[in-house]
Amino acid sequence: MYVINREGQRGIGMTEVLVALLLLAVGVLGFTALQMRAISATTESVNRTQALLVMRGLAERMRANKTDPTTLAAYKTGLSQTSAPTNSCTGTKVCTPAELATLDAYEGRVAALANGVMLGMAACPGEAGSKSWADRQCLIAAWDGTAPVIDTTDATTGSSCMNSAGIYHRRANCIVMEVY
């Protein structure tokens, strides 16, 4: 007959419970990490959607106002302008294309900043140095510490959105849209 030694079994039940609790804790930590990643992805999606909405509206305004080559400079100026333009282009006030461009860009900038997004505009990679409307311009929206600029370095890290070769920097939080 087989005799069970109860002295050698003492504490085994407690060990099994502790192992089960350890496995449960690892599972809960994994689920928590998954939830945090899901929240982060949702926030990124919201930022991208808000940036795209503002950029599309500004791009449509640019297409509608594209009558004078000097309006390009006015759009770039308006995106960095911190105070409202003096001519509001409403009612009976007549605006030049450049004044309308400045107002459009300023309103786009205000709408973007309300959503935590900064806007910028530069010649698209491969188009640098040309100033005409026939060239592609890149409208840049950036958030979370990324600058809305295209830099001239070939580094793959930095605070700018992309380099002059058109390569996005690692961990850059931005969208680039070509406008014509």
Protein backbone atom coordinates (compact mmCIF):
# COMPACT_ATOMS: atom_id res chain seq x y z
CA MET A 1 0.00 0.00 0.00
CA TYR A 2 1.13 3.50 -0.88
CA VAL A 3 1.33 5.96 2.03
CA ILE A 4 1.07 9.70 1.41
CA ASN A 5 3.52 11.77 3.37
CA ARG A 6 1.52 14.76 4.47
CA GLU A 7 4.56 16.46 5.99
CA GLY A 8 6.15 16.87 2.51
CA GLN A 9 2.93 18.37 1.08
CA ARG A 10 2.68 21.19 3.56
CA GLY A 11 2.66 24.65 1.79
CA ILE A 12 2.15 23.30 -1.76
CA GLY A 13 -1.39 24.69 -1.94
CA MET A 14 -0.13 28.14 -1.01
CA THR A 15 2.58 27.93 -3.70
CA GLU A 16 -0.05 27.05 -6.32
CA VAL A 17 -2.15 30.05 -5.27
CA LEU A 18 0.86 32.39 -5.47
CA VAL A 19 1.76 31.12 -8.96
CA ALA A 20 -1.85 31.61 -10.07
CA LEU A 21 -1.83 35.17 -8.68
CA LEU A 22 1.46 35.89 -10.46
CA LEU A 23 0.00 34.72 -13.77
CA LEU A 24 -3.12 36.78 -13.18
CA ALA A 25 -1.01 39.88 -12.41
CA VAL A 26 1.01 39.43 -15.61
CA GLY A 27 -2.23 39.11 -17.59
CA VAL A 28 -3.70 42.25 -16.03
CA LEU A 29 -0.49 44.21 -16.71
CA GLY A 30 -0.56 43.06 -20.33
CA PHE A 31 -4.17 44.13 -20.69
CA THR A 32 -3.38 47.52 -19.13
CA ALA A 33 -0.50 48.05 -21.57
CA LEU A 34 -2.80 47.12 -24.44
CA GLN A 35 -5.39 49.66 -23.26
CA MET A 36 -2.77 52.39 -22.99
CA ARG A 37 -1.60 51.68 -26.53
CA ALA A 38 -5.20 51.77 -27.77
CA ILE A 39 -5.75 55.17 -26.12
CA SER A 40 -2.53 56.46 -27.68
CA ALA A 41 -3.59 55.24 -31.13
CA THR A 42 -7.01 56.86 -30.72
CA THR A 43 -5.43 60.19 -29.77
CA GLU A 44 -3.12 60.00 -32.79
CA SER A 45 -6.09 59.25 -35.03
CA VAL A 46 -8.02 62.24 -33.68
CA ASN A 47 -5.01 64.52 -34.23
CA ARG A 48 -4.60 63.32 -37.82
CA THR A 49 -8.29 63.75 -38.57
CA GLN A 50 -8.40 67.28 -37.16
CA ALA A 51 -5.22 68.22 -39.04
CA LEU A 52 -6.59 66.84 -42.31
CA LEU A 53 -9.85 68.75 -41.95
CA VAL A 54 -8.05 72.05 -41.45
CA MET A 55 -5.55 71.32 -44.24
CA ARG A 56 -8.25 70.37 -46.74
CA GLY A 57 -10.18 73.56 -46.04
CA LEU A 58 -7.07 75.69 -46.47
CA ALA A 59 -6.06 73.83 -49.63
CA GLU A 60 -9.50 74.49 -51.15
CA ARG A 61 -9.21 78.18 -50.30
CA MET A 62 -5.78 78.26 -51.91
CA ARG A 63 -7.10 76.65 -55.09
CA ALA A 64 -9.96 79.15 -55.27
CA ASN A 65 -7.67 82.15 -54.77
CA LYS A 66 -4.82 81.09 -57.03
CA THR A 67 -4.84 84.13 -59.33
CA ASP A 68 -1.64 85.99 -58.50
CA PRO A 69 1.89 84.62 -58.02
CA THR A 70 2.43 86.84 -54.97
CA THR A 71 -0.34 85.04 -53.10
CA LEU A 72 2.06 82.17 -52.36
CA ALA A 73 4.20 84.45 -50.19
CA ALA A 74 1.04 85.82 -48.55
CA TYR A 75 -0.08 82.29 -47.61
CA LYS A 76 3.31 81.54 -46.08
CA THR A 77 3.23 84.84 -44.18
CA GLY A 78 -0.33 84.27 -42.99
CA LEU A 79 0.55 80.86 -41.53
CA SER A 80 3.09 82.46 -39.21
CA GLN A 81 1.05 85.59 -38.43
CA THR A 82 0.02 85.86 -34.78
CA SER A 83 -2.42 88.76 -35.07
CA ALA A 84 -5.51 89.06 -37.24
CA PRO A 85 -5.07 90.78 -40.62
CA THR A 86 -6.25 94.37 -40.77
CA ASN A 87 -8.58 93.75 -43.74
CA SER A 88 -11.28 91.21 -42.86
CA CYS A 89 -12.52 90.91 -46.47
CA THR A 90 -16.17 90.96 -45.36
CA GLY A 91 -19.12 93.03 -46.42
CA THR A 92 -18.24 95.76 -48.89
CA LYS A 93 -14.48 95.56 -48.27
CA VAL A 94 -12.61 94.56 -51.40
CA CYS A 95 -9.51 92.45 -50.93
CA THR A 96 -6.59 91.79 -53.20
CA PRO A 97 -5.68 88.11 -53.73
CA ALA A 98 -2.71 88.60 -51.40
CA GLU A 99 -4.91 90.05 -48.63
CA LEU A 100 -7.38 87.20 -49.04
CA ALA A 101 -4.49 84.73 -48.91
CA THR A 102 -3.22 86.25 -45.67
CA LEU A 103 -6.70 86.08 -44.15
CA ASP A 104 -7.27 82.48 -45.31
CA ALA A 105 -3.92 81.37 -43.90
CA TYR A 106 -4.50 83.17 -40.61
CA GLU A 107 -7.95 81.60 -40.19
CA GLY A 108 -6.50 78.18 -41.02
CA ARG A 109 -3.76 78.71 -38.45
CA VAL A 110 -6.27 79.70 -35.77
CA ALA A 111 -8.44 76.64 -36.52
CA ALA A 112 -5.40 74.37 -36.38
CA LEU A 113 -4.10 75.84 -33.11
CA ALA A 114 -7.53 75.32 -31.55
CA ASN A 115 -6.94 71.61 -32.15
CA GLY A 116 -3.32 71.62 -30.96
CA VAL A 117 -1.91 71.53 -34.50
CA MET A 118 0.66 73.90 -36.03
CA LEU A 119 0.67 74.65 -39.77
CA GLY A 120 3.50 75.48 -42.11
CA MET A 121 4.13 75.62 -45.85
CA ALA A 122 7.25 75.00 -47.91
CA ALA A 123 8.29 73.92 -51.37
CA CYS A 124 7.82 70.17 -51.64
CA PRO A 125 10.99 68.08 -51.78
CA GLY A 126 12.39 68.21 -55.29
CA GLU A 127 10.82 71.62 -55.98
CA ALA A 128 13.06 73.87 -53.84
CA GLY A 129 14.12 77.21 -55.21
CA SER A 130 11.16 77.79 -57.51
CA LYS A 131 8.53 80.39 -56.64
CA SER A 132 5.75 79.94 -59.18
CA TRP A 133 2.30 78.43 -58.62
CA ALA A 134 3.12 75.74 -61.17
CA ASP A 135 5.36 74.12 -58.57
CA ARG A 136 4.14 71.90 -55.81
CA GLN A 137 3.85 73.39 -52.37
CA CYS A 138 3.60 71.26 -49.24
CA LEU A 139 1.19 72.21 -46.51
CA ILE A 140 2.50 70.74 -43.26
CA ALA A 141 0.51 70.04 -40.10
CA ALA A 142 2.44 69.00 -36.98
CA TRP A 143 1.66 68.35 -33.33
CA ASP A 144 3.21 66.99 -30.11
CA GLY A 145 6.54 68.78 -30.43
CA THR A 146 7.11 68.29 -34.15
CA ALA A 147 7.87 71.46 -36.09
CA PRO A 148 5.86 72.01 -39.32
CA VAL A 149 8.97 72.40 -41.48
CA ILE A 150 11.03 70.49 -44.02
CA ASP A 151 14.69 70.69 -43.04
CA THR A 152 17.79 70.33 -45.19
CA THR A 153 19.55 67.62 -43.21
CA ASP A 154 19.52 63.97 -44.11
CA ALA A 155 19.18 62.87 -40.51
CA THR A 156 16.27 60.61 -39.72
CA THR A 157 15.67 62.10 -36.30
CA GLY A 158 14.84 65.64 -35.33
CA SER A 159 12.01 67.93 -34.41
CA SER A 160 11.06 68.73 -38.02
CA CYS A 161 8.52 66.76 -39.99
CA MET A 162 10.72 65.52 -42.82
CA ASN A 163 14.00 66.14 -44.57
CA SER A 164 14.57 67.68 -47.98
CA ALA A 165 14.62 64.23 -49.59
CA GLY A 166 10.98 63.74 -48.55
CA ILE A 167 11.71 61.20 -45.81
CA TYR A 168 9.68 61.56 -42.61
CA HIS A 169 11.71 61.75 -39.43
CA ARG A 170 11.29 58.99 -36.90
CA ARG A 171 8.66 59.75 -34.30
CA ALA A 172 7.52 62.83 -36.20
CA ASN A 173 3.87 63.64 -35.59
CA CYS A 174 2.86 65.36 -38.79
CA ILE A 175 1.06 65.19 -42.11
CA VAL A 176 2.28 66.67 -45.38
CA MET A 177 -0.22 67.53 -48.11
CA GLU A 178 0.68 68.71 -51.58
CA VAL A 179 -1.26 71.77 -52.70
CA TYR A 180 -1.29 73.11 -56.22
